[in-house]
Protein backbone atom coordinates (compact mmCIF):
# COMPACT_ATOMS: atom_id res chain seq x y z
CA MET A 1 108.95 103.10 121.60
CA ASN A 2 112.65 102.20 120.87
CA ASN A 3 111.53 99.96 118.01
CA LEU A 4 109.42 102.81 116.61
CA PHE A 5 112.19 105.19 116.57
CA ARG A 6 114.48 102.67 114.94
CA THR A 7 112.03 102.02 112.21
CA LEU A 8 111.46 105.61 111.42
CA LEU A 9 115.31 106.27 111.50
CA ILE A 10 115.81 103.39 109.09
CA LYS A 11 113.13 104.61 106.67
CA LEU A 12 114.35 108.14 106.78
CA THR A 13 117.89 106.94 106.09
CA SER A 14 116.84 104.67 103.19
CA ASN A 15 114.81 107.51 101.68
CA ILE A 16 117.69 109.87 101.75
CA CYS A 17 120.10 107.21 100.35
CA GLU A 18 117.57 106.53 97.52
CA ARG A 19 117.12 110.05 96.51
CA MET A 20 120.99 110.58 96.51
CA ALA A 21 121.43 107.56 94.32
CA LEU A 22 118.80 108.68 91.80
CA ARG A 23 120.57 112.27 91.53
CA VAL A 24 123.94 110.60 91.01
CA SER A 25 122.61 108.24 88.32
CA ALA A 26 120.89 111.02 86.64
CA SER A 27 123.86 113.15 86.81
CA ALA A 28 125.98 110.34 85.44
CA CYS A 29 123.71 109.93 82.39
CA GLY A 30 123.95 113.66 81.71
CA TRP A 31 127.84 113.55 81.90
CA GLY A 32 127.81 110.55 79.68
CA LEU A 33 125.89 112.37 77.01
CA TYR A 34 128.34 115.24 77.16
CA GLN A 35 131.15 115.07 74.46
CA PRO A 36 133.45 118.11 74.45
CA GLU A 37 135.22 119.23 71.41
CA GLU A 38 138.74 117.95 71.09
CA PRO A 39 141.59 120.65 71.22
CA LYS A 40 143.33 121.05 67.86
CA CYS A 41 146.63 120.06 69.25
CA LEU A 42 145.22 116.61 70.00
CA ARG A 43 143.41 116.17 66.63
CA ASP A 44 146.72 115.82 64.86
CA ILE A 45 148.09 113.14 67.18
CA LYS A 46 145.33 110.82 66.30
CA LYS A 47 145.87 110.99 62.56
CA HIS A 48 149.64 109.69 62.96
């Protein structure tokens, strides 16, 4: 009984961690594609 409970708990925990990792990685890809426009005050600094 104790072994069954431990196995179920490990499977549940690993499933939750896997789903969280997938969401974080998908979110990171989305943020990697996001390129905000530079403010005008910073555009002049790059030209010097």
